[in-house]
N, C-alpha and C. Protein backbone atom coordinates (compact mmCIF):
# COMPACT_ATOMS: atom_id res chain seq x y z
N UNK A 1 -1.80 -25.67 -7.98
CA UNK A 1 -3.15 -26.24 -7.93
C UNK A 1 -3.40 -26.72 -9.33
N UNK A 2 -2.47 -26.54 -10.29
CA UNK A 2 -2.79 -27.17 -11.56
C UNK A 2 -2.09 -28.52 -11.80
N UNK A 3 -2.59 -29.37 -12.43
CA UNK A 3 -1.88 -30.73 -12.69
C UNK A 3 -0.58 -30.46 -13.33
N UNK A 4 -0.52 -29.62 -14.30
CA UNK A 4 0.94 -29.39 -15.04
C UNK A 4 1.14 -27.88 -14.89
N UNK A 5 1.72 -27.39 -13.75
CA UNK A 5 2.08 -25.99 -13.55
C UNK A 5 3.03 -25.49 -14.73
N UNK A 6 2.89 -24.36 -15.15
CA UNK A 6 3.67 -23.79 -16.24
C UNK A 6 4.71 -22.96 -15.75
N UNK A 7 5.70 -23.53 -15.11
CA UNK A 7 6.86 -22.81 -14.53
C UNK A 7 8.06 -23.70 -14.12
N UNK A 8 8.93 -23.15 -13.64
CA UNK A 8 10.14 -23.84 -13.26
C UNK A 8 9.64 -24.85 -12.01
N UNK A 9 10.45 -25.95 -11.67
CA UNK A 9 9.87 -26.88 -10.82
C UNK A 9 10.47 -26.72 -9.42
N UNK A 10 11.27 -25.74 -9.15
CA UNK A 10 11.76 -25.56 -7.90
C UNK A 10 10.68 -25.35 -6.77
N UNK A 11 10.95 -25.62 -5.55
CA UNK A 11 9.96 -25.69 -4.56
C UNK A 11 9.34 -24.25 -4.35
N UNK A 12 10.37 -23.28 -4.25
CA UNK A 12 9.88 -21.85 -4.05
C UNK A 12 9.00 -21.45 -5.17
N UNK A 13 9.35 -21.71 -6.35
CA UNK A 13 8.51 -21.17 -7.58
C UNK A 13 7.16 -21.89 -7.61
N UNK A 14 7.21 -23.13 -6.97
CA UNK A 14 5.91 -23.92 -7.05
C UNK A 14 4.90 -23.19 -6.12
N UNK A 15 5.45 -22.83 -4.88
CA UNK A 15 4.60 -22.23 -3.86
C UNK A 15 4.06 -20.99 -4.38
N UNK A 16 5.12 -20.14 -5.16
CA UNK A 16 4.51 -18.79 -5.64
C UNK A 16 3.58 -18.91 -6.72
N UNK A 17 3.72 -19.95 -7.59
CA UNK A 17 2.85 -20.09 -8.64
C UNK A 17 1.35 -20.42 -8.10
N UNK A 18 1.33 -21.28 -7.13
CA UNK A 18 0.01 -21.69 -6.58
C UNK A 18 -0.56 -20.55 -5.86
N UNK A 19 0.27 -19.63 -5.18
CA UNK A 19 -0.33 -18.39 -4.60
C UNK A 19 -0.89 -17.61 -5.66
N UNK A 20 -0.25 -17.48 -6.76
CA UNK A 20 -0.73 -16.73 -7.89
C UNK A 20 -2.11 -17.20 -8.33
N UNK A 21 -2.07 -18.60 -8.62
CA UNK A 21 -3.28 -18.97 -9.26
C UNK A 21 -4.49 -18.89 -8.22
N UNK A 22 -4.19 -19.27 -6.84
CA UNK A 22 -5.23 -19.38 -5.93
C UNK A 22 -5.72 -18.03 -5.56
N UNK A 23 -4.91 -16.83 -5.56
CA UNK A 23 -5.31 -15.71 -4.92
C UNK A 23 -5.39 -14.60 -6.02
N UNK A 24 -4.68 -14.79 -7.31
CA UNK A 24 -4.74 -13.70 -8.18
C UNK A 24 -5.36 -14.07 -9.46
N UNK A 25 -4.91 -15.08 -10.06
CA UNK A 25 -5.30 -15.53 -11.45
C UNK A 25 -6.86 -15.66 -11.37
N UNK A 26 -7.41 -16.28 -10.32
CA UNK A 26 -8.78 -16.48 -10.24
C UNK A 26 -9.60 -15.16 -9.99
N UNK A 27 -9.12 -14.42 -9.01
CA UNK A 27 -9.80 -13.24 -8.71
C UNK A 27 -9.60 -11.94 -9.38
N UNK A 28 -8.50 -11.97 -10.11
CA UNK A 28 -8.07 -10.70 -10.84
C UNK A 28 -8.67 -10.69 -12.23
N UNK A 29 -9.98 -10.51 -12.28
CA UNK A 29 -10.49 -10.66 -13.56
C UNK A 29 -10.67 -9.29 -14.11
N UNK A 30 -10.25 -8.29 -13.57
CA UNK A 30 -10.26 -6.85 -14.23
C UNK A 30 -9.01 -6.15 -14.08
N UNK A 31 -8.51 -5.70 -15.05
CA UNK A 31 -7.30 -4.88 -15.19
C UNK A 31 -7.59 -3.73 -14.16
N UNK A 32 -6.48 -3.47 -13.28
CA UNK A 32 -6.61 -2.42 -12.38
C UNK A 32 -5.76 -1.16 -12.66
N UNK A 33 -6.17 0.03 -12.58
CA UNK A 33 -5.29 1.11 -12.69
C UNK A 33 -4.79 1.55 -11.15
N UNK A 34 -3.87 2.51 -11.18
CA UNK A 34 -3.34 2.93 -9.81
C UNK A 34 -4.50 3.25 -8.84
N UNK A 35 -5.42 4.10 -9.33
CA UNK A 35 -6.48 4.46 -8.47
C UNK A 35 -7.29 3.27 -7.94
N UNK A 36 -7.73 2.44 -8.76
CA UNK A 36 -8.35 1.15 -8.34
C UNK A 36 -7.60 0.39 -7.29
N UNK A 37 -6.26 0.25 -7.52
CA UNK A 37 -5.51 -0.50 -6.62
C UNK A 37 -5.54 0.30 -5.14
N UNK A 38 -5.40 1.54 -5.20
CA UNK A 38 -5.41 2.37 -4.09
C UNK A 38 -6.71 2.11 -3.36
N UNK A 39 -7.77 2.20 -4.04
CA UNK A 39 -9.04 2.08 -3.42
C UNK A 39 -9.49 0.69 -2.92
N UNK A 40 -9.18 -0.30 -3.68
CA UNK A 40 -9.73 -1.58 -3.21
C UNK A 40 -8.74 -2.65 -3.02
N UNK A 41 -7.47 -2.45 -3.07
CA UNK A 41 -6.57 -3.59 -2.68
C UNK A 41 -5.48 -3.03 -1.70
N UNK A 42 -4.87 -2.07 -1.81
CA UNK A 42 -3.90 -1.62 -0.93
C UNK A 42 -4.55 -1.12 0.46
N UNK A 43 -3.94 -1.46 1.55
CA UNK A 43 -4.55 -0.91 2.80
C UNK A 43 -4.65 0.68 2.63
N UNK A 44 -5.49 1.38 3.31
CA UNK A 44 -5.67 2.83 3.27
C UNK A 44 -4.42 3.60 3.73
N UNK A 45 -3.56 2.93 4.51
CA UNK A 45 -2.42 3.56 4.99
C UNK A 45 -1.28 3.58 4.00
N UNK A 46 -1.41 2.92 2.92
CA UNK A 46 -0.38 2.82 1.85
C UNK A 46 -0.79 3.56 0.61
N UNK A 47 0.12 4.41 0.13
CA UNK A 47 -0.18 5.22 -1.04
C UNK A 47 0.19 4.33 -2.27
N UNK A 48 -0.71 4.15 -3.29
CA UNK A 48 -0.34 3.22 -4.23
C UNK A 48 0.63 3.85 -5.23
N UNK A 49 0.91 5.18 -5.38
CA UNK A 49 1.99 5.59 -6.11
C UNK A 49 3.31 5.32 -5.46
N UNK A 50 3.35 5.56 -4.09
CA UNK A 50 4.59 5.32 -3.44
C UNK A 50 4.92 3.81 -3.39
N UNK A 51 3.88 3.02 -3.28
CA UNK A 51 4.09 1.62 -3.33
C UNK A 51 4.62 1.12 -4.63
N UNK A 52 4.12 1.54 -5.73
CA UNK A 52 4.70 1.09 -6.97
C UNK A 52 6.08 1.73 -7.31
N UNK A 53 6.29 3.04 -6.77
CA UNK A 53 7.49 3.62 -7.01
C UNK A 53 8.75 2.90 -6.31
N UNK A 54 8.38 2.43 -5.14
CA UNK A 54 9.36 1.73 -4.35
C UNK A 54 9.60 0.37 -4.99
N UNK A 55 8.59 -0.29 -5.34
CA UNK A 55 8.70 -1.64 -5.93
C UNK A 55 9.60 -1.55 -7.25
N UNK A 56 9.15 -0.60 -8.06
CA UNK A 56 9.99 -0.58 -9.43
C UNK A 56 11.19 -0.01 -9.30
N UNK A 57 11.68 0.49 -8.04
CA UNK A 57 13.01 1.01 -8.01
C UNK A 57 13.98 -0.14 -7.85
N UNK A 58 13.49 -1.37 -7.53
CA UNK A 58 14.31 -2.49 -7.38
C UNK A 58 14.55 -2.95 -8.84
N UNK A 59 15.90 -3.48 -8.96
CA UNK A 59 16.27 -4.00 -10.31
C UNK A 59 15.31 -5.05 -10.86
N UNK A 60 14.79 -6.04 -9.91
CA UNK A 60 13.94 -6.94 -10.30
C UNK A 60 12.65 -6.61 -10.97
N UNK A 61 12.33 -5.33 -10.80
CA UNK A 61 10.86 -4.92 -11.13
C UNK A 61 11.11 -3.65 -11.86
N UNK A 62 12.29 -3.13 -12.36
CA UNK A 62 12.60 -1.95 -12.88
C UNK A 62 11.79 -1.87 -14.28
N UNK A 63 11.66 -2.90 -14.97
CA UNK A 63 10.96 -2.91 -16.25
C UNK A 63 9.54 -2.64 -16.23
N UNK A 64 8.84 -2.45 -15.04
CA UNK A 64 7.48 -2.33 -14.92
C UNK A 64 7.16 -0.92 -14.43
N UNK A 65 8.22 0.06 -14.48
CA UNK A 65 7.90 1.39 -14.27
C UNK A 65 6.92 1.95 -15.18
N UNK A 66 5.80 2.54 -14.54
CA UNK A 66 4.74 3.22 -15.33
C UNK A 66 3.69 2.10 -15.81
N UNK A 67 3.88 0.82 -15.42
CA UNK A 67 2.91 -0.09 -15.78
C UNK A 67 1.96 -0.63 -14.53
N UNK A 68 0.69 -0.46 -14.65
CA UNK A 68 -0.17 -0.89 -13.58
C UNK A 68 -0.12 -2.38 -13.42
N UNK A 69 -0.12 -2.97 -12.17
CA UNK A 69 -0.18 -4.46 -12.13
C UNK A 69 -1.44 -4.85 -12.40
N UNK A 70 -1.69 -6.12 -12.85
CA UNK A 70 -2.97 -6.74 -12.90
C UNK A 70 -3.76 -6.96 -11.71
N UNK A 71 -3.02 -7.23 -10.60
CA UNK A 71 -3.61 -7.40 -9.36
C UNK A 71 -2.53 -7.28 -8.19
N UNK A 72 -3.13 -6.95 -7.07
CA UNK A 72 -2.19 -6.98 -5.90
C UNK A 72 -3.05 -7.53 -4.65
N UNK A 73 -2.46 -8.45 -3.98
CA UNK A 73 -3.08 -8.91 -2.70
C UNK A 73 -2.05 -8.99 -1.55
N UNK A 74 -2.52 -8.64 -0.47
CA UNK A 74 -1.58 -8.76 0.87
C UNK A 74 -2.02 -10.01 1.62
N UNK A 75 -1.06 -10.75 1.88
CA UNK A 75 -1.23 -11.86 2.79
C UNK A 75 -1.36 -11.51 4.21
N UNK A 76 -2.57 -11.86 4.68
CA UNK A 76 -2.85 -11.31 6.06
C UNK A 76 -3.44 -12.44 6.94
N UNK A 77 -3.82 -12.15 8.11
CA UNK A 77 -4.35 -13.15 9.06
C UNK A 77 -5.75 -13.62 8.69
N UNK A 78 -6.33 -12.85 7.75
CA UNK A 78 -7.67 -13.30 7.33
C UNK A 78 -7.72 -14.36 6.17
N UNK A 79 -6.63 -14.23 5.41
CA UNK A 79 -6.63 -15.19 4.27
C UNK A 79 -5.50 -16.37 4.39
N UNK A 80 -4.53 -16.30 5.33
CA UNK A 80 -3.39 -17.15 5.39
C UNK A 80 -3.86 -18.51 5.73
N UNK A 81 -4.95 -18.78 6.49
CA UNK A 81 -5.34 -20.00 6.93
C UNK A 81 -5.97 -20.77 5.53
N UNK A 82 -6.74 -19.98 4.87
CA UNK A 82 -7.21 -20.54 3.59
C UNK A 82 -6.13 -20.88 2.59
N UNK A 83 -5.22 -20.16 2.56
CA UNK A 83 -3.97 -20.22 1.63
C UNK A 83 -3.10 -21.52 2.13
N UNK A 84 -2.90 -21.70 3.43
CA UNK A 84 -2.10 -22.70 3.93
C UNK A 84 -2.83 -24.03 3.72
N UNK A 85 -4.23 -23.97 3.58
CA UNK A 85 -4.85 -25.30 3.19
C UNK A 85 -4.69 -25.71 1.94
N UNK A 86 -4.08 -24.81 0.83
CA UNK A 86 -3.93 -25.14 -0.37
C UNK A 86 -2.34 -25.15 -0.84
N UNK A 87 -1.71 -24.62 0.08
CA UNK A 87 -0.28 -24.39 -0.36
C UNK A 87 0.64 -24.94 0.78
N UNK A 88 1.53 -25.91 0.23
CA UNK A 88 2.47 -26.56 1.23
C UNK A 88 3.69 -25.51 1.41
N UNK A 89 4.08 -25.37 2.54
CA UNK A 89 5.21 -24.46 2.73
C UNK A 89 4.99 -23.03 3.15
N UNK A 90 3.69 -22.65 2.98
CA UNK A 90 3.33 -21.28 3.22
C UNK A 90 3.28 -21.12 4.75
N UNK A 91 4.00 -20.13 5.29
CA UNK A 91 4.11 -19.95 6.76
C UNK A 91 3.91 -18.43 7.11
N UNK A 92 3.78 -18.13 8.36
CA UNK A 92 3.52 -16.80 8.83
C UNK A 92 4.67 -15.75 8.35
N UNK A 93 5.76 -16.20 7.92
CA UNK A 93 6.73 -15.24 7.51
C UNK A 93 6.36 -14.46 6.35
N UNK A 94 5.21 -14.99 5.62
CA UNK A 94 4.80 -14.34 4.50
C UNK A 94 3.71 -13.15 4.91
N UNK A 95 3.30 -13.16 6.16
CA UNK A 95 2.15 -12.19 6.55
C UNK A 95 2.71 -10.79 6.39
N UNK A 96 1.92 -9.99 5.77
CA UNK A 96 2.17 -8.55 5.52
C UNK A 96 2.81 -8.34 4.17
N UNK A 97 3.28 -9.37 3.54
CA UNK A 97 3.84 -9.20 2.17
C UNK A 97 2.76 -9.06 1.13
N UNK A 98 3.27 -8.53 -0.06
CA UNK A 98 2.31 -8.41 -1.20
C UNK A 98 2.67 -9.30 -2.34
N UNK A 99 1.65 -9.92 -3.06
CA UNK A 99 1.81 -10.53 -4.17
C UNK A 99 1.34 -9.70 -5.39
N UNK A 100 2.29 -9.24 -6.09
CA UNK A 100 2.01 -8.31 -7.29
C UNK A 100 2.17 -9.04 -8.55
N UNK A 101 0.93 -9.04 -9.32
CA UNK A 101 0.84 -9.77 -10.60
C UNK A 101 0.96 -8.87 -11.80
N UNK A 102 1.87 -9.07 -12.62
CA UNK A 102 1.97 -8.42 -14.00
C UNK A 102 1.63 -9.52 -15.00
N UNK A 103 1.58 -8.99 -16.25
CA UNK A 103 1.12 -9.85 -17.37
C UNK A 103 2.02 -11.20 -17.42
N UNK A 104 3.46 -10.93 -17.40
CA UNK A 104 4.36 -12.03 -17.58
C UNK A 104 5.01 -12.40 -16.38
N UNK A 105 4.83 -11.85 -15.16
CA UNK A 105 5.52 -12.22 -13.92
C UNK A 105 4.83 -11.84 -12.82
N UNK A 106 5.33 -12.35 -11.64
CA UNK A 106 4.81 -12.02 -10.28
C UNK A 106 5.98 -11.72 -9.36
N UNK A 107 5.69 -10.68 -8.56
CA UNK A 107 6.69 -10.21 -7.57
C UNK A 107 6.11 -10.46 -6.14
N UNK A 108 6.96 -10.99 -5.23
CA UNK A 108 6.51 -11.00 -3.84
C UNK A 108 7.35 -9.93 -3.14
N UNK A 109 6.59 -8.93 -2.55
CA UNK A 109 7.08 -7.70 -2.08
C UNK A 109 6.70 -7.46 -0.66
N UNK A 110 7.78 -7.36 0.15
CA UNK A 110 7.73 -6.85 1.50
C UNK A 110 7.82 -5.30 1.52
N UNK A 111 6.66 -4.64 1.49
CA UNK A 111 6.62 -3.13 1.42
C UNK A 111 7.19 -2.49 2.58
N UNK A 112 6.96 -3.02 3.85
CA UNK A 112 7.25 -2.41 5.03
C UNK A 112 8.87 -2.33 5.05
N UNK A 113 9.50 -3.32 4.67
CA UNK A 113 10.98 -3.44 4.72
C UNK A 113 11.56 -3.05 3.35
N UNK A 114 10.72 -2.84 2.36
CA UNK A 114 11.23 -2.51 1.07
C UNK A 114 12.14 -3.61 0.50
N UNK A 115 11.62 -4.84 0.49
CA UNK A 115 12.49 -5.90 0.06
C UNK A 115 11.68 -6.80 -0.78
N UNK A 116 12.18 -7.24 -1.92
CA UNK A 116 11.51 -8.16 -2.90
C UNK A 116 12.00 -9.55 -2.42
N UNK A 117 10.95 -10.38 -2.05
CA UNK A 117 11.21 -11.61 -1.45
C UNK A 117 11.47 -12.67 -2.56
N UNK A 118 10.82 -12.33 -3.79
CA UNK A 118 11.02 -13.33 -4.87
C UNK A 118 10.33 -12.88 -6.02
N UNK A 119 10.66 -13.41 -7.16
CA UNK A 119 10.02 -13.10 -8.40
C UNK A 119 9.95 -14.40 -9.13
N UNK A 120 8.95 -14.56 -10.08
CA UNK A 120 8.70 -15.64 -10.89
C UNK A 120 8.23 -15.24 -12.22
N UNK A 121 8.78 -15.75 -13.34
CA UNK A 121 8.15 -15.49 -14.66
C UNK A 121 7.03 -16.50 -15.00
N UNK A 122 5.91 -15.95 -15.67
CA UNK A 122 4.78 -16.80 -16.08
C UNK A 122 5.14 -17.11 -17.48
N UNK A 123 5.33 -18.44 -17.73
CA UNK A 123 5.56 -18.83 -19.04
C UNK A 123 4.40 -19.26 -19.90
N UNK A 124 4.54 -19.31 -21.09
CA UNK A 124 3.56 -19.66 -22.06
C UNK A 124 3.18 -21.21 -22.03
N UNK A 125 2.05 -21.70 -22.35
CA UNK A 125 1.76 -23.04 -22.16
C UNK A 125 2.50 -24.02 -23.11
N UNK A 126 2.95 -23.65 -24.30
CA UNK A 126 3.70 -24.59 -25.23
C UNK A 126 5.02 -24.96 -24.57
N UNK A 127 5.42 -24.27 -23.57
CA UNK A 127 6.74 -24.62 -22.90
C UNK A 127 6.66 -25.80 -21.93
N UNK A 128 5.44 -26.25 -21.65
CA UNK A 128 5.10 -27.21 -20.71
C UNK A 128 4.92 -28.60 -21.41
N UNK A 129 5.14 -28.63 -22.64
CA UNK A 129 5.05 -30.01 -23.34
C UNK A 129 3.59 -30.30 -23.66
N UNK A 130 2.76 -29.37 -24.02
CA UNK A 130 1.38 -29.63 -24.54
C UNK A 130 1.38 -30.23 -25.89
N UNK A 131 0.35 -30.87 -26.32
CA UNK A 131 0.35 -31.42 -27.68
C UNK A 131 0.68 -30.30 -28.62
N UNK A 132 1.40 -30.90 -29.67
CA UNK A 132 1.81 -29.79 -30.77
C UNK A 132 0.77 -29.08 -31.39
N UNK A 133 -0.50 -29.51 -31.43
CA UNK A 133 -1.59 -28.86 -32.13
C UNK A 133 -2.39 -28.07 -31.16
N UNK A 134 -1.98 -27.93 -29.89
CA UNK A 134 -2.80 -27.26 -28.96
C UNK A 134 -3.14 -25.76 -29.33
N UNK A 135 -2.08 -25.00 -29.55
CA UNK A 135 -2.42 -23.63 -29.80
C UNK A 135 -3.04 -23.47 -31.22
N UNK A 136 -2.57 -24.48 -32.16
CA UNK A 136 -3.23 -24.28 -33.62
C UNK A 136 -4.83 -24.43 -33.35
N UNK A 137 -5.20 -25.42 -32.63
CA UNK A 137 -6.63 -25.71 -32.55
C UNK A 137 -7.31 -24.69 -31.65
N UNK A 138 -6.77 -24.25 -30.68
CA UNK A 138 -7.17 -23.19 -29.72
C UNK A 138 -7.41 -21.92 -30.56
N UNK A 139 -6.48 -21.45 -31.26
CA UNK A 139 -6.50 -20.08 -32.06
C UNK A 139 -7.39 -20.17 -33.13
N UNK A 140 -7.93 -21.40 -33.58
CA UNK A 140 -8.92 -21.41 -34.78
C UNK A 140 -10.16 -21.00 -34.29
N UNK A 141 -10.48 -20.87 -32.99
CA UNK A 141 -11.82 -20.52 -32.54
C UNK A 141 -11.94 -19.03 -32.64
N UNK A 142 -13.04 -18.50 -33.11
CA UNK A 142 -13.36 -17.05 -33.24
C UNK A 142 -13.21 -16.21 -31.88
N UNK A 143 -13.33 -16.91 -30.69
CA UNK A 143 -13.33 -16.18 -29.56
C UNK A 143 -11.72 -15.71 -29.41
N UNK A 144 -10.81 -16.35 -30.02
CA UNK A 144 -9.37 -16.04 -29.93
C UNK A 144 -8.88 -14.93 -31.06
N UNK A 145 -9.83 -14.58 -31.90
CA UNK A 145 -9.53 -13.52 -32.87
C UNK A 145 -8.74 -12.35 -32.24
N UNK A 146 -7.61 -12.05 -32.82
CA UNK A 146 -6.77 -10.97 -32.49
C UNK A 146 -5.85 -11.26 -31.32
N UNK A 147 -5.88 -12.55 -30.82
CA UNK A 147 -5.11 -13.01 -29.66
C UNK A 147 -4.09 -14.00 -30.00
N UNK A 148 -4.04 -14.27 -31.38
CA UNK A 148 -3.09 -15.50 -31.74
C UNK A 148 -1.74 -15.32 -31.50
N UNK A 149 -1.24 -14.01 -31.43
CA UNK A 149 0.21 -13.93 -31.15
C UNK A 149 0.59 -13.64 -29.62
N UNK A 150 -0.42 -13.66 -28.80
CA UNK A 150 -0.29 -13.45 -27.41
C UNK A 150 -0.04 -14.68 -26.61
N UNK A 151 0.87 -14.65 -25.64
CA UNK A 151 1.14 -15.72 -24.83
C UNK A 151 0.27 -15.82 -23.69
N UNK A 152 -0.57 -16.78 -23.57
CA UNK A 152 -1.65 -16.96 -22.43
C UNK A 152 -0.82 -17.33 -21.13
N UNK A 153 -1.29 -17.19 -19.99
CA UNK A 153 -0.94 -17.71 -18.78
C UNK A 153 -2.01 -18.62 -18.16
N UNK A 154 -1.61 -19.80 -17.79
CA UNK A 154 -2.66 -20.65 -17.17
C UNK A 154 -2.21 -22.15 -17.24
N UNK A 155 -3.22 -23.05 -16.98
CA UNK A 155 -2.87 -24.54 -16.91
C UNK A 155 -4.22 -25.21 -16.70
N UNK A 156 -4.17 -26.49 -16.48
CA UNK A 156 -5.26 -27.35 -16.37
C UNK A 156 -5.92 -27.23 -15.04
N UNK A 157 -7.21 -27.31 -14.97
CA UNK A 157 -8.03 -27.26 -13.82
C UNK A 157 -8.18 -28.60 -13.05
N UNK A 158 -7.75 -28.69 -11.87
CA UNK A 158 -7.98 -30.01 -11.21
C UNK A 158 -9.24 -29.92 -10.30
N UNK A 159 -9.69 -30.93 -9.52
CA UNK A 159 -10.82 -31.01 -8.72
C UNK A 159 -10.90 -29.89 -7.75
N UNK A 160 -9.75 -29.60 -6.98
CA UNK A 160 -9.82 -28.72 -5.89
C UNK A 160 -10.04 -27.34 -6.48
N UNK A 161 -9.27 -27.06 -7.51
CA UNK A 161 -9.39 -25.71 -8.28
C UNK A 161 -10.78 -25.46 -8.66
N UNK A 162 -11.45 -26.45 -9.33
CA UNK A 162 -12.69 -26.30 -9.89
C UNK A 162 -13.78 -25.97 -8.81
N UNK A 163 -13.62 -26.70 -7.67
CA UNK A 163 -14.54 -26.46 -6.51
C UNK A 163 -14.40 -25.08 -6.05
N UNK A 164 -13.20 -24.50 -5.98
CA UNK A 164 -12.99 -23.22 -5.51
C UNK A 164 -13.43 -22.18 -6.50
N UNK A 165 -13.17 -22.40 -7.80
CA UNK A 165 -13.63 -21.60 -8.91
C UNK A 165 -15.14 -21.41 -8.89
N UNK A 166 -15.84 -22.48 -8.93
CA UNK A 166 -17.15 -22.60 -8.97
C UNK A 166 -17.91 -21.90 -7.74
N UNK A 167 -17.28 -22.13 -6.62
CA UNK A 167 -17.81 -21.31 -5.41
C UNK A 167 -17.60 -19.84 -5.51
N UNK A 168 -16.54 -19.32 -6.05
CA UNK A 168 -16.33 -17.93 -6.27
C UNK A 168 -17.07 -17.31 -7.39
N UNK A 169 -17.00 -18.08 -8.47
CA UNK A 169 -17.56 -17.49 -9.87
C UNK A 169 -18.43 -18.35 -10.57
N UNK A 170 -19.54 -18.71 -9.88
CA UNK A 170 -20.43 -20.01 -10.31
C UNK A 170 -20.79 -19.80 -11.83
N UNK A 171 -21.13 -18.53 -12.25
CA UNK A 171 -21.70 -18.31 -13.54
C UNK A 171 -20.50 -18.53 -14.54
N UNK A 172 -19.29 -18.11 -14.26
CA UNK A 172 -18.28 -18.21 -15.17
C UNK A 172 -17.84 -19.73 -15.35
N UNK A 173 -17.88 -20.33 -14.33
CA UNK A 173 -17.32 -21.85 -14.37
C UNK A 173 -18.48 -22.88 -14.35
N UNK A 174 -19.71 -22.44 -14.60
CA UNK A 174 -20.79 -23.33 -14.49
C UNK A 174 -20.57 -24.65 -15.36
N UNK A 175 -19.93 -24.45 -16.58
CA UNK A 175 -19.82 -25.58 -17.34
C UNK A 175 -18.39 -26.14 -17.51
N UNK A 176 -17.43 -25.61 -16.73
CA UNK A 176 -16.11 -26.13 -16.63
C UNK A 176 -16.01 -27.53 -15.92
N UNK A 177 -15.06 -28.26 -16.22
CA UNK A 177 -14.75 -29.43 -15.60
C UNK A 177 -13.40 -29.76 -15.52
N UNK A 178 -13.02 -30.76 -14.64
CA UNK A 178 -11.64 -31.17 -14.42
C UNK A 178 -10.85 -31.51 -15.78
N UNK A 179 -9.78 -31.07 -16.01
CA UNK A 179 -9.08 -31.34 -17.18
C UNK A 179 -9.11 -30.11 -18.30
N UNK A 180 -10.18 -29.19 -18.16
CA UNK A 180 -10.23 -28.05 -19.00
C UNK A 180 -9.04 -27.12 -18.67
N UNK A 181 -8.68 -26.48 -19.64
CA UNK A 181 -7.50 -25.46 -19.55
C UNK A 181 -8.19 -24.04 -19.27
N UNK A 182 -7.62 -23.43 -18.19
CA UNK A 182 -7.90 -22.02 -17.89
C UNK A 182 -6.73 -21.19 -18.23
N UNK A 183 -7.03 -20.39 -19.29
CA UNK A 183 -5.91 -19.46 -19.96
C UNK A 183 -6.31 -18.03 -19.79
N UNK A 184 -5.40 -17.25 -19.38
CA UNK A 184 -5.74 -15.97 -19.28
C UNK A 184 -4.81 -15.13 -20.33
N UNK A 185 -5.49 -14.18 -21.10
CA UNK A 185 -4.98 -13.27 -22.04
C UNK A 185 -5.00 -11.96 -21.32
N UNK A 186 -4.56 -10.83 -21.98
CA UNK A 186 -4.64 -9.55 -21.52
C UNK A 186 -6.07 -9.05 -21.46
N UNK A 187 -6.90 -9.52 -22.50
CA UNK A 187 -8.24 -8.96 -22.54
C UNK A 187 -9.30 -10.06 -22.42
N UNK A 188 -8.88 -11.32 -22.29
CA UNK A 188 -9.94 -12.41 -22.20
C UNK A 188 -9.44 -13.48 -21.26
N UNK A 189 -10.36 -14.13 -20.62
CA UNK A 189 -10.14 -15.34 -19.80
C UNK A 189 -10.94 -16.47 -20.68
N UNK A 190 -10.17 -17.50 -20.97
CA UNK A 190 -10.58 -18.56 -21.85
C UNK A 190 -10.64 -19.84 -20.98
N UNK A 191 -11.81 -20.60 -21.10
CA UNK A 191 -11.86 -21.93 -20.50
C UNK A 191 -11.99 -22.84 -21.78
N UNK A 192 -11.02 -23.82 -22.01
CA UNK A 192 -10.89 -24.49 -23.17
C UNK A 192 -10.74 -25.95 -22.87
N UNK A 193 -11.72 -26.77 -23.53
CA UNK A 193 -11.52 -28.26 -23.38
C UNK A 193 -10.84 -28.74 -24.65
N UNK A 194 -9.61 -29.05 -24.52
CA UNK A 194 -8.82 -29.58 -25.64
C UNK A 194 -9.38 -30.95 -26.21
N UNK A 195 -9.83 -31.86 -25.33
CA UNK A 195 -10.24 -33.14 -25.82
C UNK A 195 -11.38 -33.09 -26.84
N UNK A 196 -12.27 -32.17 -26.58
CA UNK A 196 -13.40 -32.02 -27.61
C UNK A 196 -13.12 -30.71 -28.47
N UNK A 197 -12.06 -30.09 -28.39
CA UNK A 197 -11.74 -28.86 -29.09
C UNK A 197 -12.85 -27.89 -29.05
N UNK A 198 -13.31 -27.55 -27.75
CA UNK A 198 -14.49 -26.63 -27.57
C UNK A 198 -14.06 -25.60 -26.54
N UNK A 199 -14.58 -24.34 -26.77
CA UNK A 199 -14.36 -23.15 -25.88
C UNK A 199 -15.56 -23.31 -24.85
N UNK A 200 -15.33 -23.61 -23.67
CA UNK A 200 -16.40 -23.70 -22.65
C UNK A 200 -16.88 -22.38 -22.24
N UNK A 201 -16.02 -21.44 -22.07
CA UNK A 201 -16.37 -20.01 -21.86
C UNK A 201 -15.31 -19.15 -22.15
N UNK A 202 -15.85 -17.83 -22.56
CA UNK A 202 -14.80 -16.86 -22.89
C UNK A 202 -15.42 -15.53 -22.19
N UNK A 203 -14.46 -14.91 -21.41
CA UNK A 203 -14.77 -13.75 -20.44
C UNK A 203 -13.96 -12.59 -20.88
N UNK A 204 -14.60 -11.47 -21.29
CA UNK A 204 -13.94 -10.38 -21.60
C UNK A 204 -13.38 -9.66 -20.28
N UNK A 205 -12.14 -9.30 -20.26
CA UNK A 205 -11.61 -8.62 -19.09
C UNK A 205 -11.42 -7.02 -19.37
N UNK A 206 -11.53 -6.33 -18.34
CA UNK A 206 -11.38 -4.86 -18.39
C UNK A 206 -12.70 -4.17 -18.76
């Protein structure tokens, strides 16, 4: 859903990234511990500790042992129609699977069959060919104090994204516009207008 997605260009990764942005990046504004995941995200029939233990037992996710995900969402019949309207290639084979977001990657996990369907690394913006002074200008703002060495996750907002964001979080995105950059750090969500070198909004996370 970004004009310049910050990831590899393969079709599978493209689908996964849009899933992340559409369902996690936007809605996962609070860091979640295991108890919160169990209470608000995972179905009541699934134990959060068991879920994370099985997930991290796979080599692809072994580096996340003991680390709580930023967010988890299950693809189900209630959200798949909305997701299909935004994502080319999403089909019912994803039903029941979980999208698990960590700071630097996302894992697509079929808990029932204990299979990891795919993983993708979330890369920093400078790898996508941004202007050379992008991070220099961004990090000069006081809102970024202490975050200068952290690699944000994000991209530019297009019209469809903006409409969805404003509908879900009108106060956060009231002044955002197409072309602004939506960047997520561990502790902050930043909306940045590169053209005018202005921080549109900064939201503390956690």
